N, C-alpha and C. Protein backbone atom coordinates (compact mmCIF):
# COMPACT_ATOMS: atom_id res chain seq x y z
N MET A 1 120.76 88.93 91.43
CA MET A 1 121.27 88.75 93.17
C MET A 1 119.53 88.44 93.37
N ARG A 2 118.74 87.59 94.07
CA ARG A 2 117.63 87.42 94.82
C ARG A 2 117.26 88.31 95.41
N SER A 3 115.99 88.92 95.91
CA SER A 3 115.63 89.45 96.65
C SER A 3 114.58 88.98 97.99
N LEU A 4 115.04 89.36 99.12
CA LEU A 4 114.32 88.54 100.10
C LEU A 4 113.19 89.61 100.69
N PHE A 5 111.81 89.27 100.68
CA PHE A 5 111.02 89.36 101.29
C PHE A 5 110.48 88.66 102.77
N GLY A 6 111.02 89.59 103.81
CA GLY A 6 110.39 88.66 105.14
C GLY A 6 109.20 89.34 105.40
N ILE A 7 108.06 88.89 105.75
CA ILE A 7 106.62 89.44 105.64
C ILE A 7 106.06 88.58 107.27
N VAL A 8 105.94 89.57 108.23
CA VAL A 8 105.19 89.04 109.47
C VAL A 8 103.90 89.43 109.17
N VAL A 9 102.52 88.45 109.58
CA VAL A 9 101.36 88.73 109.44
C VAL A 9 100.59 88.77 110.85
N GLU A 10 99.17 88.56 110.95
CA GLU A 10 98.70 88.44 112.13
C GLU A 10 97.96 87.50 111.56
N GLY A 11 97.69 86.50 110.44
CA GLY A 11 96.54 85.66 110.56
C GLY A 11 97.11 84.58 109.23
N GLU A 12 96.25 83.66 109.22
CA GLU A 12 96.57 82.42 108.10
C GLU A 12 96.16 83.12 106.57
N THR A 13 95.00 83.91 106.40
CA THR A 13 94.75 84.36 105.20
C THR A 13 95.67 85.12 104.44
N GLU A 14 96.49 85.76 105.63
CA GLU A 14 97.59 86.48 104.87
C GLU A 14 98.66 85.43 104.97
N LYS A 15 99.08 84.60 105.46
CA LYS A 15 100.19 83.68 105.12
C LYS A 15 99.57 82.56 104.25
N ARG A 16 98.30 82.38 103.87
CA ARG A 16 98.06 81.57 102.38
C ARG A 16 98.30 82.51 101.31
N TYR A 17 98.02 83.59 101.72
CA TYR A 17 97.94 84.28 100.13
C TYR A 17 99.67 84.56 99.61
N PHE A 18 100.44 85.25 100.81
CA PHE A 18 102.21 85.07 100.34
C PHE A 18 102.78 83.88 100.15
N GLY A 19 101.89 82.58 100.70
CA GLY A 19 102.52 81.38 100.29
C GLY A 19 102.01 81.28 98.96
N MET A 20 101.35 81.51 98.17
CA MET A 20 100.70 81.10 96.93
C MET A 20 102.19 80.78 95.74
N GLU A 21 101.22 79.80 94.92
CA GLU A 21 102.48 79.48 93.85
C GLU A 21 102.94 80.45 93.10
N TYR A 22 102.44 81.73 92.86
CA TYR A 22 102.98 82.79 92.13
C TYR A 22 104.06 83.29 93.02
N PHE A 23 104.13 83.30 94.03
CA PHE A 23 105.09 84.28 95.03
C PHE A 23 106.42 82.87 95.24
N HIS A 24 106.32 81.73 94.60
CA HIS A 24 107.02 80.67 95.12
C HIS A 24 108.11 80.90 93.88
N GLU A 25 109.35 81.11 93.91
CA GLU A 25 110.44 81.57 93.41
C GLU A 25 111.97 81.15 94.26
N PRO A 26 112.83 80.42 93.62
CA PRO A 26 114.06 80.11 94.04
C PRO A 26 114.90 81.34 94.41
N SER A 27 114.98 82.39 93.35
CA SER A 27 115.50 83.72 93.64
C SER A 27 114.97 84.66 94.51
N VAL A 28 113.44 84.44 95.00
CA VAL A 28 113.11 85.35 95.97
C VAL A 28 112.68 84.52 96.95
N LYS A 29 112.95 85.01 97.94
CA LYS A 29 112.58 83.96 99.24
C LYS A 29 111.68 84.90 100.16
N VAL A 30 110.22 84.52 100.05
CA VAL A 30 108.95 84.83 100.87
C VAL A 30 109.18 84.39 102.15
N MET A 31 109.04 85.06 103.23
CA MET A 31 109.25 84.41 105.05
C MET A 31 107.81 85.20 105.49
N VAL A 32 107.53 84.23 105.65
CA VAL A 32 105.79 84.67 106.81
C VAL A 32 106.54 84.39 108.11
N ASN A 33 106.28 84.88 108.85
CA ASN A 33 106.30 84.98 110.55
C ASN A 33 105.04 85.21 111.19
N PRO A 34 104.11 84.58 111.66
CA PRO A 34 103.10 85.26 112.51
C PRO A 34 103.45 85.40 113.85
N GLY A 35 103.42 86.57 114.18
CA GLY A 35 103.72 86.84 115.54
C GLY A 35 102.56 86.68 116.36
N LYS A 36 102.98 86.22 117.72
CA LYS A 36 102.08 86.20 118.69
C LYS A 36 102.42 86.52 120.08
N PRO A 37 101.73 87.76 120.65
CA PRO A 37 100.14 87.93 120.46
C PRO A 37 100.37 88.74 119.22
N ASN A 38 99.42 88.96 118.77
CA ASN A 38 98.99 89.76 117.49
C ASN A 38 98.67 91.23 117.11
N ASP A 39 98.89 91.82 118.40
CA ASP A 39 98.16 93.41 118.36
C ASP A 39 99.82 94.12 117.62
N PRO A 40 99.20 94.87 116.85
CA PRO A 40 100.61 95.75 116.50
C PRO A 40 101.58 95.93 116.77
N PRO A 41 101.77 96.26 118.10
CA PRO A 41 103.07 96.33 118.94
C PRO A 41 103.87 94.96 118.81
N ALA A 42 102.89 94.27 118.65
CA ALA A 42 103.77 92.85 118.77
C ALA A 42 104.24 91.97 117.62
N LEU A 43 103.59 92.75 116.42
CA LEU A 43 104.41 92.24 115.00
C LEU A 43 105.37 92.91 114.78
N ALA A 44 105.37 94.69 115.41
CA ALA A 44 106.41 94.90 115.25
C ALA A 44 107.73 94.43 116.00
N ARG A 45 107.66 93.99 116.94
CA ARG A 45 108.77 93.20 117.88
C ARG A 45 108.94 92.03 117.02
N ALA A 46 107.88 91.37 116.41
CA ALA A 46 108.20 89.85 115.62
C ALA A 46 108.95 90.39 114.21
N ALA A 47 108.67 91.44 113.71
CA ALA A 47 109.44 91.87 112.50
C ALA A 47 111.38 92.19 113.05
N ASP A 48 111.47 92.54 114.32
CA ASP A 48 112.65 93.00 114.45
C ASP A 48 113.29 91.59 114.98
N ALA A 49 112.61 90.65 115.60
CA ALA A 49 112.99 89.44 115.52
C ALA A 49 113.52 88.77 114.45
N LEU A 50 112.57 88.57 113.48
CA LEU A 50 113.05 88.28 111.88
C LEU A 50 114.21 88.53 111.45
N ILE A 51 113.98 89.86 111.44
CA ILE A 51 115.36 90.78 110.84
C ILE A 51 116.68 90.23 111.71
N GLU A 52 116.75 90.24 113.40
CA GLU A 52 118.14 89.67 113.44
C GLU A 52 118.10 87.97 113.16
N GLU A 53 117.29 87.13 113.24
CA GLU A 53 117.13 85.85 112.77
C GLU A 53 118.05 85.90 111.49
N LEU A 54 117.71 86.65 110.40
CA LEU A 54 118.07 86.87 109.20
C LEU A 54 119.41 86.95 108.85
N LYS A 55 119.84 88.18 109.89
CA LYS A 55 121.07 88.70 109.85
C LYS A 55 121.93 87.48 110.39
N ARG A 56 121.45 86.80 111.26
CA ARG A 56 122.76 85.81 111.95
C ARG A 56 122.82 84.65 111.24
N GLY A 57 121.82 84.73 110.15
CA GLY A 57 122.20 83.79 109.28
C GLY A 57 122.47 83.83 108.28
N GLY A 58 123.01 85.30 107.82
CA GLY A 58 123.84 85.96 106.85
C GLY A 58 122.36 85.91 105.91
N GLU A 59 121.59 85.65 105.76
CA GLU A 59 120.82 86.15 104.74
C GLU A 59 120.16 87.22 104.16
N LEU A 60 120.27 88.23 105.21
CA LEU A 60 119.73 89.82 105.03
C LEU A 60 120.48 90.57 104.17
N ARG A 61 120.71 91.49 103.22
CA ARG A 61 121.40 92.14 102.21
C ARG A 61 120.97 93.39 102.15
N SER A 62 121.58 93.99 101.43
CA SER A 62 121.01 95.71 101.04
C SER A 62 119.63 95.28 99.79
N GLY A 63 118.72 96.19 100.16
CA GLY A 63 117.75 96.02 98.97
C GLY A 63 116.47 95.05 99.42
N ASP A 64 117.16 94.20 100.27
CA ASP A 64 115.55 93.43 101.25
C ASP A 64 114.73 93.89 101.52
N GLN A 65 113.60 93.59 102.00
CA GLN A 65 112.59 94.05 102.64
C GLN A 65 111.97 93.67 103.36
N ILE A 66 111.44 94.35 104.85
CA ILE A 66 110.77 93.44 105.88
C ILE A 66 109.43 94.49 106.08
N TRP A 67 108.36 93.54 106.15
CA TRP A 67 106.85 94.02 106.23
C TRP A 67 106.25 93.47 107.48
N VAL A 68 105.37 94.28 107.74
CA VAL A 68 104.60 93.64 108.72
C VAL A 68 103.16 94.40 108.14
N VAL A 69 102.36 93.01 107.64
CA VAL A 69 101.03 93.23 107.12
C VAL A 69 100.04 92.84 108.29
N LEU A 70 99.15 93.70 108.60
CA LEU A 70 97.93 93.68 109.45
C LEU A 70 96.36 94.65 109.04
N ASP A 71 95.70 94.10 110.22
CA ASP A 71 94.08 94.51 109.73
C ASP A 71 94.37 96.16 110.76
N ALA A 72 93.53 96.96 110.19
CA ALA A 72 93.30 98.06 111.06
C ALA A 72 92.67 97.53 112.57
N ASP A 73 91.46 96.55 112.20
CA ASP A 73 90.46 96.15 113.09
C ASP A 73 90.21 96.85 114.47
N ASP A 74 89.96 96.51 115.45
CA ASP A 74 90.00 97.75 116.40
C ASP A 74 90.90 98.13 116.98
N TRP A 75 91.68 98.00 116.48
CA TRP A 75 93.39 98.29 117.46
C TRP A 75 93.02 99.71 117.44
N ALA A 76 93.42 100.32 118.74
CA ALA A 76 94.11 101.50 119.40
C ALA A 76 94.96 102.33 118.22
N ASP A 77 94.49 103.86 117.81
CA ASP A 77 95.19 104.45 117.10
C ASP A 77 97.23 104.16 117.29
N ALA A 78 97.16 104.62 118.79
CA ALA A 78 98.58 104.42 119.42
C ALA A 78 99.15 103.24 118.88
N GLN A 79 98.56 101.81 119.26
CA GLN A 79 99.06 100.86 118.64
C GLN A 79 99.76 100.43 117.24
N LEU A 80 98.81 101.04 116.07
CA LEU A 80 98.86 101.51 114.96
C LEU A 80 99.95 102.28 114.55
N GLU A 81 100.06 103.10 115.23
CA GLU A 81 101.24 104.20 115.05
C GLU A 81 102.61 103.47 115.53
N GLU A 82 102.32 102.47 116.48
CA GLU A 82 104.16 102.00 116.83
C GLU A 82 104.56 101.40 115.59
N VAL A 83 103.55 100.69 114.52
CA VAL A 83 104.01 99.85 113.51
C VAL A 83 104.85 100.85 112.51
N PHE A 84 103.95 101.81 112.40
CA PHE A 84 104.55 103.06 111.29
C PHE A 84 105.56 103.56 111.98
N ARG A 85 105.98 103.43 113.20
CA ARG A 85 107.43 104.36 113.57
C ARG A 85 108.11 103.19 113.30
N TRP A 86 108.33 101.99 113.74
CA TRP A 86 108.96 101.06 113.20
C TRP A 86 109.47 101.01 111.61
N SER A 87 108.47 101.19 111.06
CA SER A 87 108.90 101.16 110.03
C SER A 87 109.34 102.67 109.45
N GLN A 88 109.48 103.64 109.88
CA GLN A 88 110.23 104.47 109.72
C GLN A 88 111.67 104.59 110.27
N GLU A 89 111.81 103.88 111.51
CA GLU A 89 113.38 103.89 111.72
C GLU A 89 114.42 103.96 110.51
N ARG A 90 114.10 103.17 109.31
CA ARG A 90 115.15 102.84 108.48
C ARG A 90 114.25 104.25 106.90
N ARG A 91 113.80 104.85 107.44
CA ARG A 91 113.27 105.42 106.24
C ARG A 91 113.98 105.91 105.26
N GLU A 92 115.28 106.11 105.30
CA GLU A 92 115.97 106.52 104.62
C GLU A 92 116.50 105.06 103.52
N LYS A 93 116.58 104.09 104.12
CA LYS A 93 116.86 102.78 103.28
C LYS A 93 116.04 102.07 102.59
N GLY A 94 114.62 102.81 103.09
CA GLY A 94 113.31 101.99 102.29
C GLY A 94 113.18 100.82 102.19
N ASP A 95 113.51 99.96 103.05
CA ASP A 95 113.50 98.84 103.12
C ASP A 95 112.65 98.13 104.64
N ARG A 96 111.73 98.80 104.69
CA ARG A 96 110.44 98.28 105.82
C ARG A 96 109.41 99.07 105.11
N GLY A 97 108.50 98.14 105.83
CA GLY A 97 107.22 98.71 105.16
C GLY A 97 106.01 98.13 106.07
N VAL A 98 104.38 98.78 105.92
CA VAL A 98 103.43 98.68 106.28
C VAL A 98 102.64 98.19 105.89
N GLY A 99 101.95 96.97 105.87
CA GLY A 99 100.94 97.06 104.67
C GLY A 99 99.21 96.78 105.69
N LEU A 100 99.12 98.12 105.50
CA LEU A 100 97.74 98.23 106.63
C LEU A 100 96.43 97.83 105.84
N CYS A 101 95.63 97.16 106.25
CA CYS A 101 94.10 96.89 105.26
C CYS A 101 93.46 97.37 106.38
N ILE A 102 92.26 98.29 105.47
CA ILE A 102 91.06 98.78 106.62
C ILE A 102 90.13 98.21 105.69
N PRO A 103 89.14 97.49 106.31
CA PRO A 103 89.17 96.91 107.74
C PRO A 103 89.83 95.98 107.99
N GLN A 104 89.92 94.89 107.04
CA GLN A 104 90.66 93.57 106.88
C GLN A 104 90.93 93.33 105.53
N PHE A 105 92.15 92.24 105.99
CA PHE A 105 92.56 91.68 104.94
C PHE A 105 91.68 91.20 103.35
N GLU A 106 90.93 90.66 103.69
CA GLU A 106 89.80 90.32 103.06
C GLU A 106 89.80 91.41 101.53
N TYR A 107 89.83 92.79 102.20
CA TYR A 107 89.45 93.75 100.95
C TYR A 107 90.55 93.92 100.11
N TRP A 108 91.71 93.24 100.58
CA TRP A 108 92.89 93.22 99.60
C TRP A 108 92.46 92.11 98.41
N LEU A 109 91.91 90.97 99.12
CA LEU A 109 91.59 89.71 98.24
C LEU A 109 90.64 90.63 97.51
N LEU A 110 89.32 91.46 97.51
CA LEU A 110 88.16 91.53 96.56
C LEU A 110 89.26 92.38 95.47
N LEU A 111 90.02 93.18 95.80
CA LEU A 111 90.21 93.85 94.73
C LEU A 111 91.34 93.10 93.72
N HIS A 112 91.31 91.89 93.55
CA HIS A 112 91.76 90.91 93.07
C HIS A 112 90.54 90.65 91.60
N PHE A 113 89.50 91.26 91.87
CA PHE A 113 88.05 91.12 91.38
C PHE A 113 87.59 92.13 90.45
N GLU A 114 87.74 93.42 91.76
CA GLU A 114 87.06 94.54 91.50
C GLU A 114 87.56 95.54 92.31
N ASP A 115 86.97 96.96 92.19
CA ASP A 115 87.84 98.24 92.76
C ASP A 115 86.93 98.56 94.21
N GLY A 116 86.17 97.07 94.72
CA GLY A 116 85.74 97.47 95.97
C GLY A 116 84.86 98.90 96.32
N ARG A 117 84.37 99.77 95.60
CA ARG A 117 83.94 100.62 95.67
C ARG A 117 82.31 100.47 96.50
N GLY A 118 82.08 101.55 97.65
CA GLY A 118 81.07 101.19 98.37
C GLY A 118 81.21 100.71 99.57
N VAL A 119 82.56 99.53 99.83
CA VAL A 119 82.52 98.60 100.97
C VAL A 119 82.93 99.29 102.27
N GLY A 120 82.60 99.53 103.04
CA GLY A 120 83.33 99.89 104.30
C GLY A 120 83.52 98.72 105.50
N THR A 121 82.68 98.17 106.07
CA THR A 121 82.99 96.93 106.72
C THR A 121 83.14 95.90 106.67
N LYS A 122 83.59 94.97 107.70
CA LYS A 122 84.11 93.80 107.62
C LYS A 122 82.86 92.98 106.77
N ALA A 123 81.54 93.13 107.29
CA ALA A 123 80.16 92.49 106.93
C ALA A 123 80.14 92.74 105.37
N GLU A 124 80.35 93.97 104.79
CA GLU A 124 80.31 94.82 103.48
C GLU A 124 81.33 94.15 102.70
N VAL A 125 82.61 93.71 103.11
CA VAL A 125 83.79 93.61 102.59
C VAL A 125 83.32 91.97 102.27
N LEU A 126 83.09 91.14 103.30
CA LEU A 126 82.85 89.52 103.32
C LEU A 126 81.80 89.58 102.26
N HIS A 127 80.59 89.68 102.33
CA HIS A 127 79.68 89.53 101.29
C HIS A 127 79.98 90.20 100.08
N ARG A 128 80.90 91.08 99.50
CA ARG A 128 81.21 91.57 98.28
C ARG A 128 82.28 90.30 97.63
N LEU A 129 82.67 89.91 98.67
CA LEU A 129 83.98 88.99 98.31
C LEU A 129 83.27 87.72 97.90
N GLU A 130 82.16 87.35 98.48
CA GLU A 130 81.44 86.06 98.34
C GLU A 130 80.90 86.11 97.04
N ARG A 131 80.52 86.99 96.13
CA ARG A 131 80.20 86.83 94.81
C ARG A 131 80.98 86.11 94.00
N TYR A 132 82.55 86.36 94.33
CA TYR A 132 83.74 85.90 93.35
C TYR A 132 84.10 84.66 94.11
N LEU A 133 84.20 84.43 95.59
CA LEU A 133 84.49 83.42 96.02
C LEU A 133 83.48 82.75 97.07
N PRO A 134 82.36 82.21 96.50
CA PRO A 134 81.30 81.75 97.03
C PRO A 134 81.57 80.87 98.34
N GLY A 135 81.06 80.84 99.02
CA GLY A 135 81.62 79.89 100.38
C GLY A 135 82.58 80.32 100.89
N TYR A 136 83.38 81.60 100.92
CA TYR A 136 84.68 81.59 101.20
C TYR A 136 84.91 81.80 102.76
N ARG A 137 85.92 80.83 103.06
CA ARG A 137 86.17 81.03 104.23
C ARG A 137 88.14 81.02 104.25
N LYS A 138 88.30 81.49 105.82
CA LYS A 138 89.68 81.83 105.89
C LYS A 138 90.39 80.90 105.89
N ASN A 139 90.00 79.40 105.72
CA ASN A 139 90.96 78.48 105.74
C ASN A 139 91.48 77.97 103.97
N VAL A 140 90.29 78.41 103.26
CA VAL A 140 90.57 78.32 101.81
C VAL A 140 91.71 78.49 101.16
N PRO A 141 91.98 77.47 100.18
CA PRO A 141 93.54 77.86 99.57
C PRO A 141 93.10 78.89 98.69
N LEU A 142 94.13 79.83 98.40
CA LEU A 142 94.16 80.96 97.45
C LEU A 142 94.69 81.06 96.12
N PHE A 143 94.14 81.04 95.07
CA PHE A 143 95.03 81.39 93.87
C PHE A 143 94.50 82.63 93.11
N PHE A 144 95.63 83.00 92.55
CA PHE A 144 95.71 84.25 91.90
C PHE A 144 96.45 84.37 90.91
N THR A 145 96.42 84.97 89.37
CA THR A 145 97.14 84.48 88.05
C THR A 145 97.81 85.94 88.07
N GLU A 146 98.78 86.20 87.55
CA GLU A 146 99.61 87.31 87.62
C GLU A 146 98.80 88.64 87.58
N GLU A 147 97.95 88.18 86.80
CA GLU A 147 97.16 89.59 85.91
C GLU A 147 96.27 89.83 86.99
N ASP A 148 95.62 88.90 87.69
CA ASP A 148 94.66 89.14 88.71
C ASP A 148 95.47 90.33 89.93
N ILE A 149 96.82 89.75 90.21
CA ILE A 149 97.78 90.39 91.61
C ILE A 149 98.24 92.17 90.63
N LYS A 150 98.05 92.18 89.28
CA LYS A 150 98.53 93.40 88.71
C LYS A 150 97.25 94.29 88.95
N ALA A 151 95.92 93.82 88.50
CA ALA A 151 94.96 94.52 88.44
C ALA A 151 94.69 94.51 90.28
N ALA A 152 94.61 94.05 90.97
CA ALA A 152 94.46 94.56 92.68
C ALA A 152 95.45 95.47 92.91
N VAL A 153 96.58 95.75 92.50
CA VAL A 153 97.82 96.53 92.82
C VAL A 153 97.23 98.01 92.19
N GLY A 154 96.86 97.89 90.82
CA GLY A 154 96.25 99.30 90.20
C GLY A 154 94.99 99.70 91.14
N ARG A 155 93.93 98.83 90.98
CA ARG A 155 92.95 99.48 92.00
C ARG A 155 93.46 99.78 93.43
N ALA A 156 94.20 99.11 93.89
CA ALA A 156 94.62 99.69 95.15
C ALA A 156 95.50 101.01 95.55
N ARG A 157 95.76 100.99 93.93
CA ARG A 157 97.01 102.49 94.01
C ARG A 157 96.28 103.73 93.39
N ALA A 158 94.91 103.30 92.91
CA ALA A 158 93.66 104.36 92.34
C ALA A 158 93.02 104.92 94.15
N ARG A 159 92.99 104.43 94.72
CA ARG A 159 92.84 104.57 95.99
C ARG A 159 93.45 105.08 96.65
N VAL A 160 94.79 104.81 96.85
CA VAL A 160 95.95 104.66 97.95
C VAL A 160 97.24 104.96 96.94
N PRO A 161 97.35 106.20 96.07
CA PRO A 161 98.77 106.70 95.22
C PRO A 161 99.90 106.71 96.05
N GLU A 162 99.93 106.88 97.18
CA GLU A 162 101.23 106.73 97.97
C GLU A 162 101.50 106.28 99.40
N GLU A 163 102.69 105.89 99.60
CA GLU A 163 102.88 105.57 100.79
C GLU A 163 102.72 106.66 101.92
N PHE A 164 102.51 106.13 103.20
CA PHE A 164 102.34 107.45 104.35
C PHE A 164 103.46 106.95 105.15
N CYS A 165 103.66 107.97 106.10
CA CYS A 165 104.78 107.71 107.16
C CYS A 165 104.13 107.62 108.23
N THR A 166 102.52 107.89 108.23
CA THR A 166 102.43 107.97 109.97
C THR A 166 100.93 107.46 109.55
N LEU A 167 99.91 107.10 110.32
CA LEU A 167 98.90 106.72 110.63
C LEU A 167 97.81 108.07 110.29
N ALA A 168 98.57 109.01 110.95
CA ALA A 168 97.97 110.52 111.15
C ALA A 168 98.01 111.17 109.65
N ASP A 169 98.87 110.87 108.82
CA ASP A 169 99.39 111.02 107.50
C ASP A 169 97.99 110.41 106.53
N LEU A 170 98.05 109.18 106.86
CA LEU A 170 96.69 108.25 105.98
C LEU A 170 95.77 109.30 106.11
N ASP A 171 95.36 109.20 107.58
CA ASP A 171 93.77 109.69 107.73
C ASP A 171 93.32 110.94 107.19
N ALA A 172 94.76 111.89 107.07
CA ALA A 172 94.36 113.20 106.89
C ALA A 172 94.31 113.05 105.03
N ALA A 173 94.74 112.19 104.26
CA ALA A 173 94.66 111.93 103.05
C ALA A 173 93.67 111.15 102.48
N ILE A 174 93.30 109.88 103.20
CA ILE A 174 92.04 109.19 102.69
C ILE A 174 91.19 109.11 103.91
N GLY A 175 91.45 108.91 105.28
CA GLY A 175 90.56 108.41 106.30
C GLY A 175 90.63 107.23 106.13
N ARG A 176 89.36 106.60 107.14
CA ARG A 176 89.23 105.52 107.27
C ARG A 176 87.39 104.54 107.16
N GLY A 177 87.23 105.83 106.79
CA GLY A 177 85.72 105.61 106.63
C GLY A 177 85.24 104.76 105.93
N THR A 178 86.14 104.43 104.44
CA THR A 178 85.94 103.72 103.66
C THR A 178 86.87 102.41 103.51
N ALA A 179 86.73 101.31 103.04
CA ALA A 179 87.97 100.48 102.85
C ALA A 179 89.18 100.79 102.06
N SER A 180 90.18 100.45 102.66
CA SER A 180 91.43 101.04 101.84
C SER A 180 92.57 99.84 101.88
N THR A 181 93.58 100.04 101.58
CA THR A 181 95.15 99.28 101.85
C THR A 181 96.29 99.72 101.56
N THR A 182 97.12 99.23 102.14
CA THR A 182 98.72 99.84 101.14
C THR A 182 99.38 98.89 101.17
N VAL A 183 98.85 97.71 101.22
CA VAL A 183 99.21 96.30 100.81
C VAL A 183 99.93 96.15 99.70
N HIS A 184 99.32 96.64 98.52
CA HIS A 184 99.85 96.65 96.92
C HIS A 184 100.88 97.73 96.72
N PHE A 185 101.67 98.13 97.88
CA PHE A 185 103.15 98.85 97.90
C PHE A 185 103.99 97.86 98.09
N LEU A 186 103.97 96.76 98.95
CA LEU A 186 104.69 95.53 99.06
C LEU A 186 104.63 94.71 97.75
N VAL A 187 103.34 93.87 97.50
CA VAL A 187 102.98 93.36 96.74
C VAL A 187 103.38 93.34 95.14
N GLU A 188 103.75 95.32 94.97
CA GLU A 188 104.19 95.85 93.89
C GLU A 188 105.74 95.90 93.53
N ARG A 189 106.47 95.62 94.90
CA ARG A 189 107.70 95.19 94.96
C ARG A 189 108.20 94.00 94.76
N MET A 190 107.51 92.94 94.84
CA MET A 190 107.46 91.73 94.98
C MET A 190 107.22 91.29 93.46
N VAL A 191 106.15 91.82 92.77
CA VAL A 191 105.75 91.51 91.33
C VAL A 191 107.16 92.19 90.48
N GLN A 192 107.88 93.05 90.85
CA GLN A 192 108.79 93.81 90.03
C GLN A 192 110.16 92.56 90.07
N SER A 193 110.24 92.18 91.88
CA SER A 193 111.15 91.53 91.60
C SER A 193 111.55 90.01 91.17
N LEU A 194 109.87 89.50 90.91
CA LEU A 194 109.86 88.18 90.47
C LEU A 194 109.87 88.34 88.93
N THR A 195 109.54 89.33 88.57
CA THR A 195 109.78 89.93 87.21
C THR A 195 111.16 89.51 86.72
N ASP A 196 112.14 90.62 87.44
CA ASP A 196 113.38 90.60 87.30
C ASP A 196 114.16 89.40 87.21
N ALA A 197 113.66 88.11 88.12
CA ALA A 197 114.33 86.99 88.66
C ALA A 197 114.37 86.23 87.60
N ARG A 198 112.63 86.23 87.13
CA ARG A 198 112.33 85.23 86.01
C ARG A 198 112.97 86.00 84.68
N ALA A 199 113.30 86.98 84.37
CA ALA A 199 113.71 87.28 83.39
C ALA A 199 115.49 86.74 83.03
N LEU A 200 115.95 86.41 84.17
CA LEU A 200 117.25 86.35 84.03
C LEU A 200 118.04 85.08 83.14
N PRO A 201 118.52 84.33 83.08
CA PRO A 201 119.27 83.45 81.89
C PRO A 201 119.05 82.10 83.29
N GLN A 202 118.65 80.92 82.75
CA GLN A 202 118.21 79.96 83.65
C GLN A 202 119.93 79.20 83.62
């Protein structure tokens, strides 16, 4: 049975990433639904709306995943915590998650090339990313191989080895002084689902 991943994002870069060729698979449905406005509470509401839409269409099944992917940016802690609370409403089911990027999603892109050591600010992340994607702009098409994606997951996991229930837990464990992300927990699930689906007889 195919797995569905409903992903609510705040920007075009995230939308293009999850719309890459690698994630296109008939047995795995990736849905990207940008919430507007794009503050964290609005993204959580958009995720709830997506869940209801999928339920009405009979598309949401046990084991499917709904995630919010967002940047830390300059959002207040209380706003970010609201997204973590949303994900924890069904903690026992494990079918919701938060892909938080500190400081921004481009750090996750950087991890496809290197471990991102020593970067912390947006400017530092973008400067380092330019080494690998010269002239990088947010509207450029993205392409990564399965090996690139798995390498990024491994590098992210080395920095953030476990999922956190709250922003406070994340702060206590690794802090926000340098770049980090939890997007790899989503991508790891997607890679596994794709691998399983592609192993089935056609």
